[in-house]
PDB file of N, CA and C in Angstrom:
ATOM      1  N   MET A   1      -0.283  15.970  11.280  1.00  0.00           N
ATOM      2  CA  MET A   1       0.158  14.926   9.997  1.00  0.00           C
ATOM      3  C   MET A   1       1.458  14.527  10.030  1.00  0.00           C
ATOM      4  N   LEU A   2       1.275  12.547   9.350  1.00  0.00           N
ATOM      5  CA  LEU A   2       1.823  11.665   9.104  1.00  0.00           C
ATOM      6  C   LEU A   2       3.829  12.657   9.148  1.00  0.00           C
ATOM      7  N   GLY A   3       3.796  13.778   7.898  1.00  0.00           N
ATOM      8  CA  GLY A   3       4.774  13.893   7.400  1.00  0.00           C
ATOM      9  C   GLY A   3       4.981  15.111   9.270  1.00  0.00           C
ATOM     10  N   ASP A   4       5.209  15.522  10.169  1.00  0.00           N
ATOM     11  CA  ASP A   4       5.150  16.621  11.403  1.00  0.00           C
ATOM     12  C   ASP A   4       5.668  14.959  11.699  1.00  0.00           C
ATOM     13  N   VAL A   5       4.738  14.038  11.896  1.00  0.00           N
ATOM     14  CA  VAL A   5       5.159  12.907  12.741  1.00  0.00           C
ATOM     15  C   VAL A   5       6.760  13.194  12.489  1.00  0.00           C
ATOM     16  N   VAL A   6       6.785  12.418  11.168  1.00  0.00           N
ATOM     17  CA  VAL A   6       8.525  11.645  10.233  1.00  0.00           C
ATOM     18  C   VAL A   6       9.310  12.711  10.779  1.00  0.00           C
ATOM     19  N   ARG A   7       8.900  14.177  10.362  1.00  0.00           N
ATOM     20  CA  ARG A   7       9.982  15.413  10.644  1.00  0.00           C
ATOM     21  C   ARG A   7      10.244  14.740  12.185  1.00  0.00           C
ATOM     22  N   ALA A   8       9.891  14.745  13.596  1.00  0.00           N
ATOM     23  CA  ALA A   8       9.915  14.866  14.522  1.00  0.00           C
ATOM     24  C   ALA A   8      11.099  13.642  15.276  1.00  0.00           C
ATOM     25  N   LEU A   9      11.065  12.104  14.470  1.00  0.00           N
ATOM     26  CA  LEU A   9      11.388  11.388  14.537  1.00  0.00           C
ATOM     27  C   LEU A   9      13.453  11.814  14.441  1.00  0.00           C
ATOM     28  N   PRO A  10      13.317  11.005  15.157  1.00  0.00           N
ATOM     29  CA  PRO A  10      15.156  10.476  15.085  1.00  0.00           C
ATOM     30  C   PRO A  10      16.011  10.442  13.806  1.00  0.00           C
ATOM     31  N   GLY A  11      16.309  10.973  12.387  1.00  0.00           N
ATOM     32  CA  GLY A  11      16.418  10.355  11.519  1.00  0.00           C
ATOM     33  C   GLY A  11      15.473  10.894  10.134  1.00  0.00           C
ATOM     34  N   GLY A  12      15.054  11.330  10.932  1.00  0.00           N
ATOM     35  CA  GLY A  12      13.450  11.362   9.742  1.00  0.00           C
ATOM     36  C   GLY A  12      13.173  10.714   9.332  1.00  0.00           C
ATOM     37  N   LEU A  13      12.570  10.880   8.015  1.00  0.00           N
ATOM     38  CA  LEU A  13      12.596   9.860   6.720  1.00  0.00           C
ATOM     39  C   LEU A  13      12.966   8.761   6.619  1.00  0.00           C
ATOM     40  N   ASP A  14      14.296   8.176   6.971  1.00  0.00           N
ATOM     41  CA  ASP A  14      14.861   7.099   7.255  1.00  0.00           C
ATOM     42  C   ASP A  14      15.256   7.215   8.448  1.00  0.00           C
ATOM     43  N   ALA A  15      14.694   6.982   9.025  1.00  0.00           N
ATOM     44  CA  ALA A  15      14.544   5.931  10.978  1.00  0.00           C
ATOM     45  C   ALA A  15      14.016   4.648  10.312  1.00  0.00           C
ATOM     46  N   LEU A  16      14.594   4.257  11.245  1.00  0.00           N
ATOM     47  CA  LEU A  16      14.257   2.599  11.487  1.00  0.00           C
ATOM     48  C   LEU A  16      13.174   2.660  12.151  1.00  0.00           C
ATOM     49  N   ILE A  17      12.188   1.732  11.362  1.00  0.00           N
ATOM     50  CA  ILE A  17      10.631   2.035  12.033  1.00  0.00           C
ATOM     51  C   ILE A  17      10.759   0.213  12.301  1.00  0.00           C
ATOM     52  N   ARG A  18      10.515   0.925  13.925  1.00  0.00           N
ATOM     53  CA  ARG A  18      10.162  -0.910  14.634  1.00  0.00           C
ATOM     54  C   ARG A  18       9.327  -0.965  14.824  1.00  0.00           C
ATOM     55  N   GLU A  19       7.962  -2.744  15.057  1.00  0.00           N
ATOM     56  CA  GLU A  19       6.892  -2.623  15.401  1.00  0.00           C
ATOM     57  C   GLU A  19       6.359  -2.375  17.075  1.00  0.00           C
ATOM     58  N   SER A  20       7.458  -2.195  17.916  1.00  0.00           N
ATOM     59  CA  SER A  20       7.034  -1.066  18.950  1.00  0.00           C
ATOM     60  C   SER A  20       6.684  -0.162  18.987  1.00  0.00           C
ATOM     61  N   HIS A  21       7.204   1.159  17.774  1.00  0.00           N
ATOM     62  CA  HIS A  21       7.976   2.239  18.072  1.00  0.00           C
ATOM     63  C   HIS A  21       6.064   3.074  17.808  1.00  0.00           C
ATOM     64  N   ALA A  22       6.480   3.228  19.225  1.00  0.00           N
ATOM     65  CA  ALA A  22       5.425   3.920  20.419  1.00  0.00           C
ATOM     66  C   ALA A  22       5.188   4.993  19.396  1.00  0.00           C
ATOM     67  N   ALA A  23       6.336   6.196  18.384  1.00  0.00           N
ATOM     68  CA  ALA A  23       5.695   7.709  18.282  1.00  0.00           C
ATOM     69  C   ALA A  23       4.979   7.507  17.683  1.00  0.00           C
ATOM     70  N   LEU A  24       4.466   6.030  16.764  1.00  0.00           N
ATOM     71  CA  LEU A  24       3.768   5.997  15.397  1.00  0.00           C
ATOM     72  C   LEU A  24       2.889   4.951  15.271  1.00  0.00           C
ATOM     73  N   SER A  25       1.580   5.460  15.579  1.00  0.00           N
ATOM     74  CA  SER A  25       0.636   3.573  15.294  1.00  0.00           C
ATOM     75  C   SER A  25       0.634   3.260  14.205  1.00  0.00           C
ATOM     76  N   LEU A  26      -0.042   2.658  13.845  1.00  0.00           N
ATOM     77  CA  LEU A  26       0.353   1.102  13.273  1.00  0.00           C
ATOM     78  C   LEU A  26      -0.458   2.049  11.665  1.00  0.00           C
ATOM     79  N   GLY A  27      -1.311   2.864  12.063  1.00  0.00           N
ATOM     80  CA  GLY A  27      -1.512   3.393  10.166  1.00  0.00           C
ATOM     81  C   GLY A  27      -0.142   4.257   9.656  1.00  0.00           C
ATOM     82  N   GLN A  28       0.059   5.128  10.219  1.00  0.00           N
ATOM     83  CA  GLN A  28       1.200   5.781  10.279  1.00  0.00           C
ATOM     84  C   GLN A  28       2.456   4.765   9.908  1.00  0.00           C
ATOM     85  N   ARG A  29       2.804   3.943  10.925  1.00  0.00           N
ATOM     86  CA  ARG A  29       3.449   2.899  10.825  1.00  0.00           C
ATOM     87  C   ARG A  29       3.790   2.667   8.738  1.00  0.00           C
ATOM     88  N   GLN A  30       2.075   1.908   8.825  1.00  0.00           N
ATOM     89  CA  GLN A  30       2.710   2.037   7.308  1.00  0.00           C
ATOM     90  C   GLN A  30       2.139   2.567   6.582  1.00  0.00           C
ATOM     91  N   ARG A  31       2.148   3.941   6.985  1.00  0.00           N
ATOM     92  CA  ARG A  31       2.298   5.345   6.203  1.00  0.00           C
ATOM     93  C   ARG A  31       2.948   5.593   5.840  1.00  0.00           C
ATOM     94  N   LEU A  32       3.939   5.155   5.999  1.00  0.00           N
ATOM     95  CA  LEU A  32       6.002   5.531   6.569  1.00  0.00           C
ATOM     96  C   LEU A  32       6.037   5.074   5.212  1.00  0.00           C
ATOM     97  N   LEU A  33       6.389   3.305   5.338  1.00  0.00           N
ATOM     98  CA  LEU A  33       6.424   2.004   4.878  1.00  0.00           C
ATOM     99  C   LEU A  33       6.225   1.752   3.260  1.00  0.00           C
ATOM    100  N   LEU A  34       5.145   2.516   3.034  1.00  0.00           N
ATOM    101  CA  LEU A  34       4.120   2.351   2.218  1.00  0.00           C
ATOM    102  C   LEU A  34       4.547   3.919   1.190  1.00  0.00           C
ATOM    103  N   ALA A  35       5.453   4.268   1.993  1.00  0.00           N
ATOM    104  CA  ALA A  35       6.111   6.084   0.919  1.00  0.00           C
ATOM    105  C   ALA A  35       7.354   5.341   0.645  1.00  0.00           C
ATOM    106  N   ARG A  36       7.749   5.001   1.521  1.00  0.00           N
ATOM    107  CA  ARG A  36       9.231   4.479   1.267  1.00  0.00           C
ATOM    108  C   ARG A  36       9.367   3.325   0.523  1.00  0.00           C
ATOM    109  N   ALA A  37       8.569   2.491   0.275  1.00  0.00           N
ATOM    110  CA  ALA A  37       8.175   1.916  -0.938  1.00  0.00           C
ATOM    111  C   ALA A  37       7.866   2.393  -2.447  1.00  0.00           C
ATOM    112  N   LEU A  38       7.233   3.583  -2.361  1.00  0.00           N
ATOM    113  CA  LEU A  38       6.740   4.007  -2.925  1.00  0.00           C
ATOM    114  C   LEU A  38       7.688   4.177  -4.124  1.00  0.00           C
ATOM    115  N   TYR A  39       8.360   5.040  -2.981  1.00  0.00           N
ATOM    116  CA  TYR A  39       9.934   5.918  -3.930  1.00  0.00           C
ATOM    117  C   TYR A  39      10.721   5.259  -3.825  1.00  0.00           C
ATOM    118  N   SER A  40      11.033   3.840  -3.773  1.00  0.00           N
ATOM    119  CA  SER A  40      12.677   2.949  -4.253  1.00  0.00           C
ATOM    120  C   SER A  40      12.509   3.009  -6.740  1.00  0.00           C
ATOM    121  N   SER A  41      13.569   2.326  -6.798  1.00  0.00           N
ATOM    122  CA  SER A  41      13.587   2.408  -7.596  1.00  0.00           C
ATOM    123  C   SER A  41      13.397   0.730  -8.602  1.00  0.00           C
ATOM    124  N   ARG A  42      13.172   0.739  -7.656  1.00  0.00           N
ATOM    125  CA  ARG A  42      12.467  -0.886  -8.089  1.00  0.00           C
ATOM    126  C   ARG A  42      10.806  -1.217  -9.261  1.00  0.00           C
ATOM    127  N   PRO A  43      11.255  -2.001 -10.027  1.00  0.00           N
ATOM    128  CA  PRO A  43       9.809  -1.362 -11.029  1.00  0.00           C
ATOM    129  C   PRO A  43       9.045  -2.777 -10.521  1.00  0.00           C
ATOM    130  N   VAL A  44       8.372  -2.887  -9.422  1.00  0.00           N
ATOM    131  CA  VAL A  44       7.515  -4.060  -9.039  1.00  0.00           C
ATOM    132  C   VAL A  44       7.149  -3.539  -7.686  1.00  0.00           C
ATOM    133  N   LEU A  45       6.090  -3.600  -7.126  1.00  0.00           N
ATOM    134  CA  LEU A  45       5.260  -3.754  -6.226  1.00  0.00           C
ATOM    135  C   LEU A  45       4.628  -4.096  -5.734  1.00  0.00           C
ATOM    136  N   LEU A  46       5.009  -4.950  -4.038  1.00  0.00           N
ATOM    137  CA  LEU A  46       4.286  -5.756  -3.530  1.00  0.00           C
ATOM    138  C   LEU A  46       3.551  -5.577  -2.357  1.00  0.00           C
ATOM    139  N   LEU A  47       2.529  -5.693  -2.596  1.00  0.00           N
ATOM    140  CA  LEU A  47       1.698  -4.568  -1.216  1.00  0.00           C
ATOM    141  C   LEU A  47       1.165  -6.287  -0.466  1.00  0.00           C
ATOM    142  N   ASP A  48       0.969  -5.973   0.605  1.00  0.00           N
ATOM    143  CA  ASP A  48       0.547  -7.429   1.808  1.00  0.00           C
ATOM    144  C   ASP A  48      -0.631  -6.014   2.770  1.00  0.00           C
ATOM    145  N   GLU A  49      -1.817  -6.610   1.757  1.00  0.00           N
ATOM    146  CA  GLU A  49      -2.951  -5.643   3.162  1.00  0.00           C
ATOM    147  C   GLU A  49      -2.577  -4.526   3.028  1.00  0.00           C
ATOM    148  N   PRO A  50      -2.221  -3.411   1.828  1.00  0.00           N
ATOM    149  CA  PRO A  50      -1.955  -2.136   2.507  1.00  0.00           C
ATOM    150  C   PRO A  50      -2.388  -0.993   2.792  1.00  0.00           C
ATOM    151  N   THR A  51      -4.014  -1.538   3.151  1.00  0.00           N
ATOM    152  CA  THR A  51      -4.640  -0.597   3.900  1.00  0.00           C
ATOM    153  C   THR A  51      -5.351  -1.231   4.844  1.00  0.00           C
ATOM    154  N   ALA A  52      -4.568  -2.245   6.018  1.00  0.00           N
ATOM    155  CA  ALA A  52      -4.880  -2.772   6.857  1.00  0.00           C
ATOM    156  C   ALA A  52      -4.731  -1.691   7.737  1.00  0.00           C
ATOM    157  N   ASN A  53      -5.214  -1.632   9.350  1.00  0.00           N
ATOM    158  CA  ASN A  53      -5.317  -0.722   9.841  1.00  0.00           C
ATOM    159  C   ASN A  53      -5.280   1.152  10.029  1.00  0.00           C
ATOM    160  N   LEU A  54      -6.254   0.868   8.150  1.00  0.00           N
ATOM    161  CA  LEU A  54      -6.271   2.099   7.582  1.00  0.00           C
ATOM    162  C   LEU A  54      -7.825   1.975   8.210  1.00  0.00           C
ATOM    163  N   ASP A  55      -8.845   3.836   8.479  1.00  0.00           N
ATOM    164  CA  ASP A  55      -9.921   3.762   8.243  1.00  0.00           C
ATOM    165  C   ASP A  55     -10.644   3.843   6.266  1.00  0.00           C
ATOM    166  N   ASP A  56     -11.467   3.424   6.022  1.00  0.00           N
ATOM    167  CA  ASP A  56     -12.120   3.276   5.155  1.00  0.00           C
ATOM    168  C   ASP A  56     -11.705   4.653   3.972  1.00  0.00           C
ATOM    169  N   GLU A  57     -12.142   6.003   4.411  1.00  0.00           N
ATOM    170  CA  GLU A  57     -11.802   6.957   3.996  1.00  0.00           C
ATOM    171  C   GLU A  57     -10.460   7.216   3.251  1.00  0.00           C
ATOM    172  N   THR A  58      -9.153   6.471   4.303  1.00  0.00           N
ATOM    173  CA  THR A  58      -8.155   7.418   4.071  1.00  0.00           C
ATOM    174  C   THR A  58      -7.036   6.077   3.608  1.00  0.00           C
ATOM    175  N   ALA A  59      -7.765   4.744   3.339  1.00  0.00           N
ATOM    176  CA  ALA A  59      -7.794   3.515   3.251  1.00  0.00           C
ATOM    177  C   ALA A  59      -7.691   3.462   1.138  1.00  0.00           C
ATOM    178  N   ALA A  60      -9.116   4.307   0.628  1.00  0.00           N
ATOM    179  CA  ALA A  60      -9.035   4.915  -0.854  1.00  0.00           C
ATOM    180  C   ALA A  60      -8.408   5.825  -1.005  1.00  0.00           C
ATOM    181  N   ILE A  61      -7.887   7.075  -0.293  1.00  0.00           N
ATOM    182  CA  ILE A  61      -6.796   7.740  -0.593  1.00  0.00           C
ATOM    183  C   ILE A  61      -5.330   7.375  -0.959  1.00  0.00           C
ATOM    184  N   VAL A  62      -5.242   6.542   0.204  1.00  0.00           N
ATOM    185  CA  VAL A  62      -3.719   5.545  -0.168  1.00  0.00           C
ATOM    186  C   VAL A  62      -3.943   4.579  -1.284  1.00  0.00           C
ATOM    187  N   MET A  63      -4.995   3.931  -1.314  1.00  0.00           N
ATOM    188  CA  MET A  63      -4.899   3.584  -2.620  1.00  0.00           C
ATOM    189  C   MET A  63      -5.152   4.446  -4.116  1.00  0.00           C
ATOM    190  N   ALA A  64      -6.215   4.559  -4.540  1.00  0.00           N
ATOM    191  CA  ALA A  64      -5.543   6.009  -5.504  1.00  0.00           C
ATOM    192  C   ALA A  64      -4.211   6.812  -5.034  1.00  0.00           C
ATOM    193  N   THR A  65      -3.610   6.526  -4.499  1.00  0.00           N
ATOM    194  CA  THR A  65      -2.488   7.362  -4.520  1.00  0.00           C
ATOM    195  C   THR A  65      -1.116   6.364  -4.887  1.00  0.00           C
ATOM    196  N   VAL A  66      -1.172   5.369  -4.470  1.00  0.00           N
ATOM    197  CA  VAL A  66      -0.394   4.064  -4.890  1.00  0.00           C
ATOM    198  C   VAL A  66      -0.562   3.989  -6.444  1.00  0.00           C
ATOM    199  N   HIS A  67      -2.279   3.746  -6.727  1.00  0.00           N
ATOM    200  CA  HIS A  67      -1.862   3.270  -8.409  1.00  0.00           C
ATOM    201  C   HIS A  67      -1.642   4.922  -9.453  1.00  0.00           C
ATOM    202  N   ALA A  68      -2.133   5.863  -8.625  1.00  0.00           N
ATOM    203  CA  ALA A  68      -1.717   6.665  -9.888  1.00  0.00           C
ATOM    204  C   ALA A  68       0.608   7.258  -9.842  1.00  0.00           C
ATOM    205  N   HIS A  69       0.450   6.939  -8.517  1.00  0.00           N
ATOM    206  CA  HIS A  69       1.964   6.705  -8.884  1.00  0.00           C
ATOM    207  C   HIS A  69       2.923   5.491  -9.684  1.00  0.00           C
ATOM    208  N   CYS A  70       2.444   3.731  -9.648  1.00  0.00           N
ATOM    209  CA  CYS A  70       2.564   3.363 -10.330  1.00  0.00           C
ATOM    210  C   CYS A  70       2.419   4.106 -11.659  1.00  0.00           C
ATOM    211  N   ARG A  71       1.561   4.040 -12.126  1.00  0.00           N
ATOM    212  CA  ARG A  71       1.187   4.836 -13.309  1.00  0.00           C
ATOM    213  C   ARG A  71       2.569   5.476 -13.906  1.00  0.00           C
ATOM    214  N   ARG A  72       2.689   6.190 -13.161  1.00  0.00           N
ATOM    215  CA  ARG A  72       3.394   7.869 -14.303  1.00  0.00           C
ATOM    216  C   ARG A  72       4.653   6.738 -13.983  1.00  0.00           C
ATOM    217  N   ALA A  73       4.947   6.057 -12.545  1.00  0.00           N
ATOM    218  CA  ALA A  73       6.331   5.571 -12.564  1.00  0.00           C
ATOM    219  C   ALA A  73       6.641   4.279 -13.258  1.00  0.00           C
ATOM    220  N   GLY A  74       5.476   4.066 -14.832  1.00  0.00           N
ATOM    221  CA  GLY A  74       5.851   2.495 -14.955  1.00  0.00           C
ATOM    222  C   GLY A  74       5.951   1.909 -14.321  1.00  0.00           C
ATOM    223  N   LYS A  75       5.780   1.620 -12.691  1.00  0.00           N
ATOM    224  CA  LYS A  75       5.601   0.336 -12.413  1.00  0.00           C
ATOM    225  C   LYS A  75       4.377  -0.876 -11.690  1.00  0.00           C
ATOM    226  N   SER A  76       4.862  -1.752 -11.934  1.00  0.00           N
ATOM    227  CA  SER A  76       3.742  -3.093 -12.388  1.00  0.00           C
ATOM    228  C   SER A  76       3.579  -2.862 -10.223  1.00  0.00           C
ATOM    229  N   LEU A  77       2.368  -3.777 -10.121  1.00  0.00           N
ATOM    230  CA  LEU A  77       1.348  -3.984  -9.096  1.00  0.00           C
ATOM    231  C   LEU A  77       1.022  -4.209  -8.595  1.00  0.00           C
ATOM    232  N   ILE A  78       1.405  -5.006  -7.074  1.00  0.00           N
ATOM    233  CA  ILE A  78       0.938  -6.649  -6.731  1.00  0.00           C
ATOM    234  C   ILE A  78       0.241  -6.257  -6.037  1.00  0.00           C
ATOM    235  N   VAL A  79      -0.849  -6.772  -4.988  1.00  0.00           N
ATOM    236  CA  VAL A  79      -1.200  -6.602  -3.905  1.00  0.00           C
ATOM    237  C   VAL A  79      -1.976  -8.055  -4.184  1.00  0.00           C
ATOM    238  N   VAL A  80      -1.379  -8.665  -2.094  1.00  0.00           N
ATOM    239  CA  VAL A  80      -2.458  -9.412  -1.585  1.00  0.00           C
ATOM    240  C   VAL A  80      -3.374  -8.817  -0.419  1.00  0.00           C
ATOM    241  N   THR A  81      -5.184  -8.656  -0.636  1.00  0.00           N
ATOM    242  CA  THR A  81      -5.698  -8.001   0.045  1.00  0.00           C
ATOM    243  C   THR A  81      -6.926  -9.472   0.114  1.00  0.00           C
ATOM    244  N   HIS A  82      -7.632  -8.967   1.321  1.00  0.00           N
ATOM    245  CA  HIS A  82      -8.768  -9.618   1.496  1.00  0.00           C
ATOM    246  C   HIS A  82      -9.997  -8.595   1.264  1.00  0.00           C
ATOM    247  N   SER A  83      -9.575  -7.399   0.797  1.00  0.00           N
ATOM    248  CA  SER A  83     -10.309  -6.242   1.602  1.00  0.00           C
ATOM    249  C   SER A  83     -10.717  -6.026  -0.412  1.00  0.00           C
ATOM    250  N   GLU A  84     -12.244  -6.442  -0.657  1.00  0.00           N
ATOM    251  CA  GLU A  84     -13.101  -5.272  -2.049  1.00  0.00           C
ATOM    252  C   GLU A  84     -12.979  -4.583  -2.836  1.00  0.00           C
ATOM    253  N   GLN A  85     -13.170  -3.590  -2.087  1.00  0.00           N
ATOM    254  CA  GLN A  85     -12.724  -2.640  -2.165  1.00  0.00           C
ATOM    255  C   GLN A  85     -11.293  -2.136  -2.700  1.00  0.00           C
ATOM    256  N   VAL A  86     -10.224  -2.546  -2.564  1.00  0.00           N
ATOM    257  CA  VAL A  86      -9.170  -2.693  -3.046  1.00  0.00           C
ATOM    258  C   VAL A  86      -8.898  -3.472  -4.285  1.00  0.00           C
ATOM    259  N   LEU A  87      -9.169  -4.298  -4.016  1.00  0.00           N
ATOM    260  CA  LEU A  87      -9.652  -5.530  -5.739  1.00  0.00           C
ATOM    261  C   LEU A  87     -10.002  -4.173  -6.177  1.00  0.00           C
ATOM    262  N   SER A  88     -11.396  -2.945  -6.401  1.00  0.00           N
ATOM    263  CA  SER A  88     -11.478  -2.916  -7.409  1.00  0.00           C
ATOM    264  C   SER A  88     -11.355  -2.197  -8.659  1.00  0.00           C
ATOM    265  N   GLY A  89      -9.705  -1.678  -7.738  1.00  0.00           N
ATOM    266  CA  GLY A  89      -9.059  -0.772  -8.877  1.00  0.00           C
ATOM    267  C   GLY A  89      -7.980  -1.623 -10.169  1.00  0.00           C
ATOM    268  N   PHE A  90      -7.643  -2.738  -9.998  1.00  0.00           N
ATOM    269  CA  PHE A  90      -7.517  -3.871 -10.695  1.00  0.00           C
ATOM    270  C   PHE A  90      -7.938  -3.737 -11.957  1.00  0.00           C
ATOM    271  N   GLN A  91      -7.366  -4.385 -13.439  1.00  0.00           N
ATOM    272  CA  GLN A  91      -7.349  -5.258 -14.068  1.00  0.00           C
ATOM    273  C   GLN A  91      -7.584  -6.747 -14.005  1.00  0.00           C
ATOM    274  N   GLN A  92      -6.667  -6.837 -13.514  1.00  0.00           N
ATOM    275  CA  GLN A  92      -6.600  -8.339 -13.250  1.00  0.00           C
ATOM    276  C   GLN A  92      -6.707  -8.517 -11.564  1.00  0.00           C
ATOM    277  N   VAL A  93      -7.401  -9.523 -11.654  1.00  0.00           N
ATOM    278  CA  VAL A  93      -7.751 -10.156 -10.274  1.00  0.00           C
ATOM    279  C   VAL A  93      -7.626 -11.373  -9.754  1.00  0.00           C
ATOM    280  N   TYR A  94      -6.653 -12.093  -9.532  1.00  0.00           N
ATOM    281  CA  TYR A  94      -7.013 -13.667  -9.008  1.00  0.00           C
ATOM    282  C   TYR A  94      -6.646 -14.144  -7.415  1.00  0.00           C
ATOM    283  N   HIS A  95      -7.536 -15.184  -7.702  1.00  0.00           N
ATOM    284  CA  HIS A  95      -7.938 -15.590  -6.518  1.00  0.00           C
ATOM    285  C   HIS A  95      -7.336 -17.203  -5.920  1.00  0.00           C
ATOM    286  N   LEU A  96      -6.490 -17.278  -5.456  1.00  0.00           N
ATOM    287  CA  LEU A  96      -6.319 -18.242  -4.631  1.00  0.00           C
ATOM    288  C   LEU A  96      -6.991 -19.286  -3.924  1.00  0.00           C
ATOM    289  N   VAL A  97      -8.010 -20.255  -3.995  1.00  0.00           N
ATOM    290  CA  VAL A  97      -8.821 -21.285  -3.083  1.00  0.00           C
ATOM    291  C   VAL A  97      -8.384 -22.211  -3.252  1.00  0.00           C
ATOM    292  N   ASP A  98      -8.008 -23.168  -1.978  1.00  0.00           N
ATOM    293  CA  ASP A  98      -7.699 -24.092  -1.537  1.00  0.00           C
ATOM    294  C   ASP A  98      -6.606 -24.831  -2.849  1.00  0.00           C
ATOM    295  N   GLY A  99      -5.196 -23.971  -2.654  1.00  0.00           N
ATOM    296  CA  GLY A  99      -4.042 -24.578  -4.005  1.00  0.00           C
ATOM    297  C   GLY A  99      -4.510 -23.271  -5.352  1.00  0.00           C
ATOM    298  N   ARG A 100      -5.497 -23.648  -5.157  1.00  0.00           N
ATOM    299  CA  ARG A 100      -6.053 -23.663  -6.978  1.00  0.00           C
ATOM    300  C   ARG A 100      -6.123 -21.771  -7.152  1.00  0.00           C
ATOM    301  N   LEU A 101      -5.530 -21.244  -8.284  1.00  0.00           N
ATOM    302  CA  LEU A 101      -5.168 -20.061  -9.452  1.00  0.00           C
ATOM    303  C   LEU A 101      -6.279 -20.039 -10.201  1.00  0.00           C
ATOM    304  N   SER A 102      -7.211 -19.151 -10.324  1.00  0.00           N
ATOM    305  CA  SER A 102      -8.314 -18.403 -10.527  1.00  0.00           C
ATOM    306  C   SER A 102      -8.610 -17.471 -11.082  1.00  0.00           C
ATOM    307  N   LEU A 103      -8.755 -16.241 -12.391  1.00  0.00           N
ATOM    308  CA  LEU A 103      -8.313 -15.286 -12.983  1.00  0.00           C
ATOM    309  C   LEU A 103     -10.059 -14.573 -12.145  1.00  0.00           C
ATOM    310  N   ARG A 104      -9.781 -13.872 -11.955  1.00  0.00           N
ATOM    311  CA  ARG A 104     -11.077 -13.356 -12.222  1.00  0.00           C
ATOM    312  C   ARG A 104     -11.391 -11.847 -12.509  1.00  0.00           C
ATOM    313  N   GLU A 105     -12.537 -11.339 -13.994  1.00  0.00           N
ATOM    314  CA  GLU A 105     -11.511  -9.549 -14.251  1.00  0.00           C
ATOM    315  C   GLU A 105     -12.474  -9.143 -13.467  1.00  0.00           C
ATOM    316  N   GLY A 106     -11.149  -7.921 -13.791  1.00  0.00           N
ATOM    317  CA  GLY A 106     -11.289  -6.789 -12.563  1.00  0.00           C
ATOM    318  C   GLY A 106     -11.775  -5.576 -13.319  1.00  0.00           C
ATOM    319  N   SER A 107     -11.709  -4.559 -12.475  1.00  0.00           N
ATOM    320  CA  SER A 107     -12.317  -3.328 -12.559  1.00  0.00           C
ATOM    321  C   SER A 107     -11.713  -2.855 -14.443  1.00  0.00           C
ATOM    322  N   ASP A 108     -12.791  -2.101 -15.668  1.00  0.00           N
ATOM    323  CA  ASP A 108     -12.156  -1.413 -16.651  1.00  0.00           C
ATOM    324  C   ASP A 108     -11.883   0.136 -16.723  1.00  0.00           C
ATOM    325  N   GLU A 109     -12.080   1.051 -14.939  1.00  0.00           N
ATOM    326  CA  GLU A 109     -11.248   1.754 -14.390  1.00  0.00           C
ATOM    327  C   GLU A 109      -9.643   1.659 -14.422  1.00  0.00           C
ATOM    328  N   ALA A 110      -9.410   0.459 -13.738  1.00  0.00           N
ATOM    329  CA  ALA A 110      -8.007   0.840 -13.658  1.00  0.00           C
ATOM    330  C   ALA A 110      -6.827   0.693 -14.762  1.00  0.00           C
TER     331      ALA A 110
END
């Protein structure tokens, strides 16, 4: 589990995480940094490809957790992604193509 790995790091949850951090896989680093972002006091959460390096099942769990947390905390969530799976959870989806921004309606479930 990620929690066990984090507890073993020098500094625990506050450990300095670098790209070359050998104790963590890409997915583990990504989930740890995401957890830090979720529990910050900032009112807007901006995520760039939050499910990259994650398998489909973990990606779905991560996004469900992010959406639920943002709803509970009253945070705005902005996600930049190429993943249709990630896009399906949003009420409003904007596409940027050739420098033009257009709105595509999202899911009613979001």
